[in-house]
Amino acid sequence: MTDTKEYRIGSLAAVEAGEPVLTEAGGQDVALFMCRGRVIATNGQCPHAEGPLHEGDVDGTILTCPWHGWTFDLESGECQEDDSIVLERYPVRIDGDDVFVSL
């Protein structure tokens, strides 16, 4: 079993502004999205071809990668083009305006 560590990765106000946020935690890119009133943290790179997910479009719960148009459900991580691919998601904790993620 690996140990997880919590990182402060951004401000709630920045995510609530409506644009996805790219940040870094533990040497890893993390993308933050506002989805149905909740902050969702995912791997910052598409698991299909490592595209920059924070530059993708979000429609409801569906994130579309800007490179090849692959789509992921932000609530489950499921890929609509290939069910063997799952977008890695991370636990989020909000404390005031601070957004924390556990990796």
PDB file of N, CA and C in Angstrom:
ATOM      1  N   MET A   1       0.843  -1.186   0.000  1.00  0.00           N
ATOM      2  CA  MET A   1       0.000   0.000   0.000  1.00  0.00           C
ATOM      3  C   MET A   1       0.880   1.238   0.000  1.00  0.00           C
ATOM      4  N   THR A   2       0.541   2.204  -0.860  1.00  0.00           N
ATOM      5  CA  THR A   2       1.330   3.424  -0.929  1.00  0.00           C
ATOM      6  C   THR A   2       0.716   4.489  -0.036  1.00  0.00           C
ATOM      7  N   ASP A   3       1.568   5.360   0.455  1.00  0.00           N
ATOM      8  CA  ASP A   3       1.107   6.467   1.275  1.00  0.00           C
ATOM      9  C   ASP A   3       0.622   7.597   0.382  1.00  0.00           C
ATOM     10  N   THR A   4      -0.474   8.232   0.767  1.00  0.00           N
ATOM     11  CA  THR A   4      -0.940   9.401   0.031  1.00  0.00           C
ATOM     12  C   THR A   4      -0.530  10.640   0.780  1.00  0.00           C
ATOM     13  N   LYS A   5      -0.388  11.724   0.052  1.00  0.00           N
ATOM     14  CA  LYS A   5      -0.020  13.000   0.628  1.00  0.00           C
ATOM     15  C   LYS A   5      -0.990  14.042   0.118  1.00  0.00           C
ATOM     16  N   GLU A   6      -1.343  14.988   0.975  1.00  0.00           N
ATOM     17  CA  GLU A   6      -2.268  16.045   0.591  1.00  0.00           C
ATOM     18  C   GLU A   6      -1.478  17.287   0.190  1.00  0.00           C
ATOM     19  N   TYR A   7      -1.912  17.913  -0.928  1.00  0.00           N
ATOM     20  CA  TYR A   7      -1.262  19.114  -1.455  1.00  0.00           C
ATOM     21  C   TYR A   7      -2.296  20.219  -1.637  1.00  0.00           C
ATOM     22  N   ARG A   8      -1.905  21.456  -1.302  1.00  0.00           N
ATOM     23  CA  ARG A   8      -2.743  22.604  -1.658  1.00  0.00           C
ATOM     24  C   ARG A   8      -2.438  22.913  -3.113  1.00  0.00           C
ATOM     25  N   ILE A   9      -3.478  22.894  -3.946  1.00  0.00           N
ATOM     26  CA  ILE A   9      -3.224  23.044  -5.377  1.00  0.00           C
ATOM     27  C   ILE A   9      -3.925  24.228  -6.032  1.00  0.00           C
ATOM     28  N   GLY A  10      -4.648  25.014  -5.274  1.00  0.00           N
ATOM     29  CA  GLY A  10      -5.285  26.163  -5.896  1.00  0.00           C
ATOM     30  C   GLY A  10      -6.329  26.793  -5.014  1.00  0.00           C
ATOM     31  N   SER A  11      -6.990  27.786  -5.613  1.00  0.00           N
ATOM     32  CA  SER A  11      -8.039  28.490  -4.879  1.00  0.00           C
ATOM     33  C   SER A  11      -9.399  28.126  -5.460  1.00  0.00           C
ATOM     34  N   LEU A  12     -10.358  28.027  -4.582  1.00  0.00           N
ATOM     35  CA  LEU A  12     -11.721  27.727  -4.986  1.00  0.00           C
ATOM     36  C   LEU A  12     -12.247  28.814  -5.916  1.00  0.00           C
ATOM     37  N   ALA A  13     -11.915  30.062  -5.630  1.00  0.00           N
ATOM     38  CA  ALA A  13     -12.379  31.178  -6.456  1.00  0.00           C
ATOM     39  C   ALA A  13     -11.911  31.029  -7.900  1.00  0.00           C
ATOM     40  N   ALA A  14     -10.685  30.568  -8.107  1.00  0.00           N
ATOM     41  CA  ALA A  14     -10.162  30.401  -9.464  1.00  0.00           C
ATOM     42  C   ALA A  14     -10.953  29.333 -10.220  1.00  0.00           C
ATOM     43  N   VAL A  15     -11.282  28.240  -9.555  1.00  0.00           N
ATOM     44  CA  VAL A  15     -12.039  27.167 -10.210  1.00  0.00           C
ATOM     45  C   VAL A  15     -13.481  27.612 -10.442  1.00  0.00           C
ATOM     46  N   GLU A  16     -14.044  28.336  -9.481  1.00  0.00           N
ATOM     47  CA  GLU A  16     -15.419  28.812  -9.613  1.00  0.00           C
ATOM     48  C   GLU A  16     -15.560  29.846 -10.721  1.00  0.00           C
ATOM     49  N   ALA A  17     -14.451  30.458 -11.143  1.00  0.00           N
ATOM     50  CA  ALA A  17     -14.490  31.439 -12.229  1.00  0.00           C
ATOM     51  C   ALA A  17     -14.916  30.800 -13.544  1.00  0.00           C
ATOM     52  N   GLY A  18     -14.875  29.465 -13.605  1.00  0.00           N
ATOM     53  CA  GLY A  18     -15.417  28.772 -14.756  1.00  0.00           C
ATOM     54  C   GLY A  18     -14.411  28.143 -15.694  1.00  0.00           C
ATOM     55  N   GLU A  19     -13.164  28.548 -15.635  1.00  0.00           N
ATOM     56  CA  GLU A  19     -12.149  27.969 -16.509  1.00  0.00           C
ATOM     57  C   GLU A  19     -11.409  26.862 -15.777  1.00  0.00           C
ATOM     58  N   PRO A  20     -11.114  25.758 -16.463  1.00  0.00           N
ATOM     59  CA  PRO A  20     -10.290  24.711 -15.845  1.00  0.00           C
ATOM     60  C   PRO A  20      -8.938  25.283 -15.439  1.00  0.00           C
ATOM     61  N   VAL A  21      -8.353  24.715 -14.403  1.00  0.00           N
ATOM     62  CA  VAL A  21      -7.079  25.186 -13.873  1.00  0.00           C
ATOM     63  C   VAL A  21      -6.070  24.045 -13.951  1.00  0.00           C
ATOM     64  N   LEU A  22      -4.879  24.340 -14.441  1.00  0.00           N
ATOM     65  CA  LEU A  22      -3.795  23.363 -14.427  1.00  0.00           C
ATOM     66  C   LEU A  22      -2.852  23.740 -13.304  1.00  0.00           C
ATOM     67  N   THR A  23      -2.500  22.769 -12.496  1.00  0.00           N
ATOM     68  CA  THR A  23      -1.599  22.989 -11.380  1.00  0.00           C
ATOM     69  C   THR A  23      -0.670  21.790 -11.266  1.00  0.00           C
ATOM     70  N   GLU A  24       0.172  21.793 -10.261  1.00  0.00           N
ATOM     71  CA  GLU A  24       1.139  20.710 -10.068  1.00  0.00           C
ATOM     72  C   GLU A  24       1.122  20.293  -8.610  1.00  0.00           C
ATOM     73  N   ALA A  25       1.234  19.006  -8.393  1.00  0.00           N
ATOM     74  CA  ALA A  25       1.301  18.462  -7.033  1.00  0.00           C
ATOM     75  C   ALA A  25       2.193  17.242  -7.053  1.00  0.00           C
ATOM     76  N   GLY A  26       3.190  17.234  -6.215  1.00  0.00           N
ATOM     77  CA  GLY A  26       4.078  16.078  -6.124  1.00  0.00           C
ATOM     78  C   GLY A  26       4.753  15.727  -7.440  1.00  0.00           C
ATOM     79  N   GLY A  27       5.068  16.749  -8.244  1.00  0.00           N
ATOM     80  CA  GLY A  27       5.716  16.524  -9.522  1.00  0.00           C
ATOM     81  C   GLY A  27       4.795  16.051 -10.632  1.00  0.00           C
ATOM     82  N   GLN A  28       3.512  16.149 -10.422  1.00  0.00           N
ATOM     83  CA  GLN A  28       2.519  15.651 -11.371  1.00  0.00           C
ATOM     84  C   GLN A  28       1.552  16.761 -11.750  1.00  0.00           C
ATOM     85  N   ASP A  29       1.189  16.851 -13.051  1.00  0.00           N
ATOM     86  CA  ASP A  29       0.181  17.809 -13.495  1.00  0.00           C
ATOM     87  C   ASP A  29      -1.193  17.362 -13.006  1.00  0.00           C
ATOM     88  N   VAL A  30      -1.949  18.325 -12.455  1.00  0.00           N
ATOM     89  CA  VAL A  30      -3.306  18.062 -11.980  1.00  0.00           C
ATOM     90  C   VAL A  30      -4.212  19.132 -12.582  1.00  0.00           C
ATOM     91  N   ALA A  31      -5.325  18.714 -13.153  1.00  0.00           N
ATOM     92  CA  ALA A  31      -6.310  19.639 -13.704  1.00  0.00           C
ATOM     93  C   ALA A  31      -7.504  19.711 -12.765  1.00  0.00           C
ATOM     94  N   LEU A  32      -8.001  20.934 -12.562  1.00  0.00           N
ATOM     95  CA  LEU A  32      -9.173  21.152 -11.716  1.00  0.00           C
ATOM     96  C   LEU A  32     -10.323  21.650 -12.579  1.00  0.00           C
ATOM     97  N   PHE A  33     -11.506  21.078 -12.342  1.00  0.00           N
ATOM     98  CA  PHE A  33     -12.701  21.443 -13.081  1.00  0.00           C
ATOM     99  C   PHE A  33     -13.840  21.667 -12.098  1.00  0.00           C
ATOM    100  N   MET A  34     -14.751  22.592 -12.428  1.00  0.00           N
ATOM    101  CA  MET A  34     -15.986  22.743 -11.682  1.00  0.00           C
ATOM    102  C   MET A  34     -17.037  21.937 -12.438  1.00  0.00           C
ATOM    103  N   CYS A  35     -17.637  20.980 -11.752  1.00  0.00           N
ATOM    104  CA  CYS A  35     -18.602  20.077 -12.389  1.00  0.00           C
ATOM    105  C   CYS A  35     -19.797  19.909 -11.465  1.00  0.00           C
ATOM    106  N   ARG A  36     -20.931  20.433 -11.887  1.00  0.00           N
ATOM    107  CA  ARG A  36     -22.161  20.340 -11.094  1.00  0.00           C
ATOM    108  C   ARG A  36     -21.971  20.828  -9.665  1.00  0.00           C
ATOM    109  N   GLY A  37     -21.255  21.942  -9.538  1.00  0.00           N
ATOM    110  CA  GLY A  37     -21.060  22.562  -8.228  1.00  0.00           C
ATOM    111  C   GLY A  37     -19.972  21.940  -7.380  1.00  0.00           C
ATOM    112  N   ARG A  38     -19.255  20.951  -7.931  1.00  0.00           N
ATOM    113  CA  ARG A  38     -18.173  20.299  -7.192  1.00  0.00           C
ATOM    114  C   ARG A  38     -16.862  20.486  -7.932  1.00  0.00           C
ATOM    115  N   VAL A  39     -15.770  20.562  -7.173  1.00  0.00           N
ATOM    116  CA  VAL A  39     -14.446  20.612  -7.772  1.00  0.00           C
ATOM    117  C   VAL A  39     -13.988  19.176  -8.026  1.00  0.00           C
ATOM    118  N   ILE A  40     -13.594  18.912  -9.265  1.00  0.00           N
ATOM    119  CA  ILE A  40     -13.080  17.600  -9.661  1.00  0.00           C
ATOM    120  C   ILE A  40     -11.605  17.779 -10.013  1.00  0.00           C
ATOM    121  N   ALA A  41     -10.748  16.922  -9.467  1.00  0.00           N
ATOM    122  CA  ALA A  41      -9.315  16.939  -9.790  1.00  0.00           C
ATOM    123  C   ALA A  41      -8.984  15.681 -10.574  1.00  0.00           C
ATOM    124  N   THR A  42      -8.292  15.861 -11.708  1.00  0.00           N
ATOM    125  CA  THR A  42      -7.899  14.738 -12.542  1.00  0.00           C
ATOM    126  C   THR A  42      -6.423  14.858 -12.897  1.00  0.00           C
ATOM    127  N   ASN A  43      -5.900  13.784 -13.452  1.00  0.00           N
ATOM    128  CA  ASN A  43      -4.578  13.862 -14.059  1.00  0.00           C
ATOM    129  C   ASN A  43      -4.641  14.966 -15.108  1.00  0.00           C
ATOM    130  N   GLY A  44      -3.591  15.765 -15.221  1.00  0.00           N
ATOM    131  CA  GLY A  44      -3.584  16.877 -16.161  1.00  0.00           C
ATOM    132  C   GLY A  44      -3.390  16.466 -17.605  1.00  0.00           C
ATOM    133  N   GLN A  45      -3.016  15.203 -17.832  1.00  0.00           N
ATOM    134  CA  GLN A  45      -2.765  14.736 -19.191  1.00  0.00           C
ATOM    135  C   GLN A  45      -3.754  13.638 -19.557  1.00  0.00           C
ATOM    136  N   CYS A  46      -4.229  13.695 -20.779  1.00  0.00           N
ATOM    137  CA  CYS A  46      -5.165  12.689 -21.279  1.00  0.00           C
ATOM    138  C   CYS A  46      -4.513  11.311 -21.268  1.00  0.00           C
ATOM    139  N   PRO A  47      -5.202  10.295 -20.772  1.00  0.00           N
ATOM    140  CA  PRO A  47      -4.626   8.953 -20.747  1.00  0.00           C
ATOM    141  C   PRO A  47      -4.531   8.324 -22.142  1.00  0.00           C
ATOM    142  N   HIS A  48      -5.163   8.927 -23.133  1.00  0.00           N
ATOM    143  CA  HIS A  48      -5.087   8.410 -24.498  1.00  0.00           C
ATOM    144  C   HIS A  48      -3.758   8.788 -25.147  1.00  0.00           C
ATOM    145  N   ALA A  49      -3.427  10.103 -25.174  1.00  0.00           N
ATOM    146  CA  ALA A  49      -2.204  10.543 -25.870  1.00  0.00           C
ATOM    147  C   ALA A  49      -1.536  11.726 -25.174  1.00  0.00           C
ATOM    148  N   GLU A  50      -1.815  11.899 -23.873  1.00  0.00           N
ATOM    149  CA  GLU A  50      -1.183  12.904 -23.021  1.00  0.00           C
ATOM    150  C   GLU A  50      -1.486  14.354 -23.419  1.00  0.00           C
ATOM    151  N   GLY A  51      -2.652  14.571 -24.017  1.00  0.00           N
ATOM    152  CA  GLY A  51      -3.077  15.936 -24.344  1.00  0.00           C
ATOM    153  C   GLY A  51      -3.345  16.732 -23.080  1.00  0.00           C
ATOM    154  N   PRO A  52      -3.287  18.080 -23.182  1.00  0.00           N
ATOM    155  CA  PRO A  52      -3.497  18.961 -22.029  1.00  0.00           C
ATOM    156  C   PRO A  52      -4.982  19.109 -21.700  1.00  0.00           C
ATOM    157  N   LEU A  53      -5.473  18.352 -20.746  1.00  0.00           N
ATOM    158  CA  LEU A  53      -6.905  18.310 -20.471  1.00  0.00           C
ATOM    159  C   LEU A  53      -7.482  19.644 -20.027  1.00  0.00           C
ATOM    160  N   HIS A  54      -6.690  20.488 -19.370  1.00  0.00           N
ATOM    161  CA  HIS A  54      -7.222  21.780 -18.912  1.00  0.00           C
ATOM    162  C   HIS A  54      -7.585  22.686 -20.093  1.00  0.00           C
ATOM    163  N   GLU A  55      -7.129  22.342 -21.303  1.00  0.00           N
ATOM    164  CA  GLU A  55      -7.480  23.110 -22.496  1.00  0.00           C
ATOM    165  C   GLU A  55      -8.704  22.535 -23.207  1.00  0.00           C
ATOM    166  N   GLY A  56      -9.257  21.460 -22.647  1.00  0.00           N
ATOM    167  CA  GLY A  56     -10.420  20.820 -23.255  1.00  0.00           C
ATOM    168  C   GLY A  56     -11.712  21.539 -22.941  1.00  0.00           C
ATOM    169  N   ASP A  57     -12.773  21.095 -23.585  1.00  0.00           N
ATOM    170  CA  ASP A  57     -14.104  21.653 -23.363  1.00  0.00           C
ATOM    171  C   ASP A  57     -14.873  20.776 -22.384  1.00  0.00           C
ATOM    172  N   VAL A  58     -15.656  21.426 -21.524  1.00  0.00           N
ATOM    173  CA  VAL A  58     -16.520  20.705 -20.587  1.00  0.00           C
ATOM    174  C   VAL A  58     -17.962  21.049 -20.917  1.00  0.00           C
ATOM    175  N   ASP A  59     -18.773  20.010 -21.115  1.00  0.00           N
ATOM    176  CA  ASP A  59     -20.198  20.170 -21.367  1.00  0.00           C
ATOM    177  C   ASP A  59     -20.919  19.268 -20.380  1.00  0.00           C
ATOM    178  N   GLY A  60     -21.517  19.870 -19.358  1.00  0.00           N
ATOM    179  CA  GLY A  60     -22.133  19.087 -18.291  1.00  0.00           C
ATOM    180  C   GLY A  60     -21.052  18.361 -17.518  1.00  0.00           C
ATOM    181  N   THR A  61     -21.045  17.036 -17.582  1.00  0.00           N
ATOM    182  CA  THR A  61     -20.018  16.250 -16.895  1.00  0.00           C
ATOM    183  C   THR A  61     -18.973  15.696 -17.876  1.00  0.00           C
ATOM    184  N   ILE A  62     -19.105  16.022 -19.160  1.00  0.00           N
ATOM    185  CA  ILE A  62     -18.237  15.439 -20.181  1.00  0.00           C
ATOM    186  C   ILE A  62     -17.102  16.399 -20.551  1.00  0.00           C
ATOM    187  N   LEU A  63     -15.884  15.901 -20.405  1.00  0.00           N
ATOM    188  CA  LEU A  63     -14.664  16.625 -20.779  1.00  0.00           C
ATOM    189  C   LEU A  63     -14.172  16.068 -22.108  1.00  0.00           C
ATOM    190  N   THR A  64     -13.913  16.965 -23.069  1.00  0.00           N
ATOM    191  CA  THR A  64     -13.390  16.566 -24.376  1.00  0.00           C
ATOM    192  C   THR A  64     -11.944  17.017 -24.493  1.00  0.00           C
ATOM    193  N   CYS A  65     -11.042  16.070 -24.740  1.00  0.00           N
ATOM    194  CA  CYS A  65      -9.623  16.382 -24.898  1.00  0.00           C
ATOM    195  C   CYS A  65      -9.422  17.213 -26.164  1.00  0.00           C
ATOM    196  N   PRO A  66      -8.605  18.269 -26.091  1.00  0.00           N
ATOM    197  CA  PRO A  66      -8.420  19.141 -27.249  1.00  0.00           C
ATOM    198  C   PRO A  66      -7.610  18.513 -28.384  1.00  0.00           C
ATOM    199  N   TRP A  67      -6.862  17.457 -28.122  1.00  0.00           N
ATOM    200  CA  TRP A  67      -6.001  16.899 -29.173  1.00  0.00           C
ATOM    201  C   TRP A  67      -6.736  15.972 -30.127  1.00  0.00           C
ATOM    202  N   HIS A  68      -7.468  15.002 -29.623  1.00  0.00           N
ATOM    203  CA  HIS A  68      -8.091  14.011 -30.492  1.00  0.00           C
ATOM    204  C   HIS A  68      -9.598  13.879 -30.275  1.00  0.00           C
ATOM    205  N   GLY A  69     -10.145  14.712 -29.394  1.00  0.00           N
ATOM    206  CA  GLY A  69     -11.583  14.702 -29.180  1.00  0.00           C
ATOM    207  C   GLY A  69     -12.111  13.558 -28.338  1.00  0.00           C
ATOM    208  N   TRP A  70     -11.225  12.841 -27.672  1.00  0.00           N
ATOM    209  CA  TRP A  70     -11.697  11.764 -26.787  1.00  0.00           C
ATOM    210  C   TRP A  70     -12.442  12.401 -25.611  1.00  0.00           C
ATOM    211  N   THR A  71     -13.466  11.709 -25.132  1.00  0.00           N
ATOM    212  CA  THR A  71     -14.320  12.271 -24.095  1.00  0.00           C
ATOM    213  C   THR A  71     -14.306  11.413 -22.833  1.00  0.00           C
ATOM    214  N   PHE A  72     -14.382  12.112 -21.700  1.00  0.00           N
ATOM    215  CA  PHE A  72     -14.328  11.475 -20.388  1.00  0.00           C
ATOM    216  C   PHE A  72     -15.424  12.043 -19.503  1.00  0.00           C
ATOM    217  N   ASP A  73     -16.052  11.176 -18.726  1.00  0.00           N
ATOM    218  CA  ASP A  73     -17.029  11.612 -17.735  1.00  0.00           C
ATOM    219  C   ASP A  73     -16.251  12.044 -16.498  1.00  0.00           C
ATOM    220  N   LEU A  74     -16.359  13.312 -16.133  1.00  0.00           N
ATOM    221  CA  LEU A  74     -15.608  13.824 -14.984  1.00  0.00           C
ATOM    222  C   LEU A  74     -16.034  13.188 -13.672  1.00  0.00           C
ATOM    223  N   GLU A  75     -17.274  12.734 -13.581  1.00  0.00           N
ATOM    224  CA  GLU A  75     -17.746  12.142 -12.330  1.00  0.00           C
ATOM    225  C   GLU A  75     -17.249  10.708 -12.126  1.00  0.00           C
ATOM    226  N   SER A  76     -16.999   9.985 -13.203  1.00  0.00           N
ATOM    227  CA  SER A  76     -16.569   8.590 -13.076  1.00  0.00           C
ATOM    228  C   SER A  76     -15.171   8.328 -13.635  1.00  0.00           C
ATOM    229  N   GLY A  77     -14.704   9.206 -14.526  1.00  0.00           N
ATOM    230  CA  GLY A  77     -13.426   9.004 -15.197  1.00  0.00           C
ATOM    231  C   GLY A  77     -13.525   8.140 -16.442  1.00  0.00           C
ATOM    232  N   GLU A  78     -14.715   7.593 -16.721  1.00  0.00           N
ATOM    233  CA  GLU A  78     -14.881   6.676 -17.850  1.00  0.00           C
ATOM    234  C   GLU A  78     -14.669   7.378 -19.183  1.00  0.00           C
ATOM    235  N   CYS A  79     -13.987   6.682 -20.091  1.00  0.00           N
ATOM    236  CA  CYS A  79     -13.745   7.156 -21.449  1.00  0.00           C
ATOM    237  C   CYS A  79     -14.852   6.631 -22.348  1.00  0.00           C
ATOM    238  N   GLN A  80     -15.464   7.510 -23.126  1.00  0.00           N
ATOM    239  CA  GLN A  80     -16.574   7.084 -23.981  1.00  0.00           C
ATOM    240  C   GLN A  80     -16.103   6.385 -25.251  1.00  0.00           C
ATOM    241  N   GLU A  81     -14.836   6.561 -25.631  1.00  0.00           N
ATOM    242  CA  GLU A  81     -14.322   5.922 -26.844  1.00  0.00           C
ATOM    243  C   GLU A  81     -13.712   4.543 -26.584  1.00  0.00           C
ATOM    244  N   ASP A  82     -13.222   4.317 -25.369  1.00  0.00           N
ATOM    245  CA  ASP A  82     -12.548   3.058 -25.045  1.00  0.00           C
ATOM    246  C   ASP A  82     -12.760   2.777 -23.562  1.00  0.00           C
ATOM    247  N   ASP A  83     -13.613   1.809 -23.259  1.00  0.00           N
ATOM    248  CA  ASP A  83     -13.952   1.559 -21.852  1.00  0.00           C
ATOM    249  C   ASP A  83     -12.818   0.948 -21.045  1.00  0.00           C
ATOM    250  N   SER A  84     -11.707   0.629 -21.689  1.00  0.00           N
ATOM    251  CA  SER A  84     -10.548   0.139 -20.931  1.00  0.00           C
ATOM    252  C   SER A  84      -9.675   1.290 -20.418  1.00  0.00           C
ATOM    253  N   ILE A  85      -9.976   2.511 -20.861  1.00  0.00           N
ATOM    254  CA  ILE A  85      -9.214   3.689 -20.428  1.00  0.00           C
ATOM    255  C   ILE A  85     -10.054   4.459 -19.421  1.00  0.00           C
ATOM    256  N   VAL A  86      -9.445   4.818 -18.295  1.00  0.00           N
ATOM    257  CA  VAL A  86     -10.126   5.599 -17.260  1.00  0.00           C
ATOM    258  C   VAL A  86      -9.247   6.785 -16.893  1.00  0.00           C
ATOM    259  N   LEU A  87      -9.848   7.956 -16.869  1.00  0.00           N
ATOM    260  CA  LEU A  87      -9.148   9.163 -16.459  1.00  0.00           C
ATOM    261  C   LEU A  87      -8.939   9.126 -14.950  1.00  0.00           C
ATOM    262  N   GLU A  88      -7.703   9.251 -14.531  1.00  0.00           N
ATOM    263  CA  GLU A  88      -7.396   9.207 -13.101  1.00  0.00           C
ATOM    264  C   GLU A  88      -7.941  10.452 -12.413  1.00  0.00           C
ATOM    265  N   ARG A  89      -8.694  10.232 -11.331  1.00  0.00           N
ATOM    266  CA  ARG A  89      -9.282  11.301 -10.535  1.00  0.00           C
ATOM    267  C   ARG A  89      -8.706  11.233  -9.127  1.00  0.00           C
ATOM    268  N   TYR A  90      -8.654  12.376  -8.442  1.00  0.00           N
ATOM    269  CA  TYR A  90      -8.050  12.434  -7.114  1.00  0.00           C
ATOM    270  C   TYR A  90      -9.033  13.004  -6.108  1.00  0.00           C
ATOM    271  N   PRO A  91      -8.959  12.533  -4.859  1.00  0.00           N
ATOM    272  CA  PRO A  91      -9.817  13.092  -3.805  1.00  0.00           C
ATOM    273  C   PRO A  91      -9.509  14.574  -3.585  1.00  0.00           C
ATOM    274  N   VAL A  92     -10.573  15.356  -3.430  1.00  0.00           N
ATOM    275  CA  VAL A  92     -10.467  16.804  -3.230  1.00  0.00           C
ATOM    276  C   VAL A  92     -11.051  17.165  -1.872  1.00  0.00           C
ATOM    277  N   ARG A  93     -10.390  18.120  -1.210  1.00  0.00           N
ATOM    278  CA  ARG A  93     -10.918  18.680   0.038  1.00  0.00           C
ATOM    279  C   ARG A  93     -10.847  20.193  -0.082  1.00  0.00           C
ATOM    280  N   ILE A  94     -11.924  20.863   0.312  1.00  0.00           N
ATOM    281  CA  ILE A  94     -11.991  22.324   0.288  1.00  0.00           C
ATOM    282  C   ILE A  94     -11.933  22.824   1.722  1.00  0.00           C
ATOM    283  N   ASP A  95     -11.074  23.819   1.965  1.00  0.00           N
ATOM    284  CA  ASP A  95     -10.973  24.468   3.274  1.00  0.00           C
ATOM    285  C   ASP A  95     -10.937  25.964   3.024  1.00  0.00           C
ATOM    286  N   GLY A  96     -12.081  26.629   3.227  1.00  0.00           N
ATOM    287  CA  GLY A  96     -12.168  28.047   2.906  1.00  0.00           C
ATOM    288  C   GLY A  96     -12.019  28.233   1.404  1.00  0.00           C
ATOM    289  N   ASP A  97     -11.002  28.990   0.975  1.00  0.00           N
ATOM    290  CA  ASP A  97     -10.742  29.193  -0.453  1.00  0.00           C
ATOM    291  C   ASP A  97      -9.671  28.243  -0.967  1.00  0.00           C
ATOM    292  N   ASP A  98      -9.114  27.404  -0.116  1.00  0.00           N
ATOM    293  CA  ASP A  98      -8.030  26.509  -0.506  1.00  0.00           C
ATOM    294  C   ASP A  98      -8.583  25.177  -1.017  1.00  0.00           C
ATOM    295  N   VAL A  99      -8.011  24.719  -2.129  1.00  0.00           N
ATOM    296  CA  VAL A  99      -8.348  23.412  -2.686  1.00  0.00           C
ATOM    297  C   VAL A  99      -7.160  22.489  -2.448  1.00  0.00           C
ATOM    298  N   PHE A 100      -7.432  21.355  -1.824  1.00  0.00           N
ATOM    299  CA  PHE A 100      -6.405  20.356  -1.548  1.00  0.00           C
ATOM    300  C   PHE A 100      -6.725  19.088  -2.324  1.00  0.00           C
ATOM    301  N   VAL A 101      -5.681  18.384  -2.735  1.00  0.00           N
ATOM    302  CA  VAL A 101      -5.843  17.114  -3.420  1.00  0.00           C
ATOM    303  C   VAL A 101      -4.923  16.104  -2.749  1.00  0.00           C
ATOM    304  N   SER A 102      -5.388  14.844  -2.712  1.00  0.00           N
ATOM    305  CA  SER A 102      -4.582  13.760  -2.158  1.00  0.00           C
ATOM    306  C   SER A 102      -4.066  12.896  -3.304  1.00  0.00           C
ATOM    307  N   LEU A 103      -2.748  12.705  -3.303  1.00  0.00           N
ATOM    308  CA  LEU A 103      -2.103  11.845  -4.314  1.00  0.00           C
ATOM    309  C   LEU A 103      -1.369  10.730  -3.625  1.00  0.00           C
TER     310      LEU A 103
END
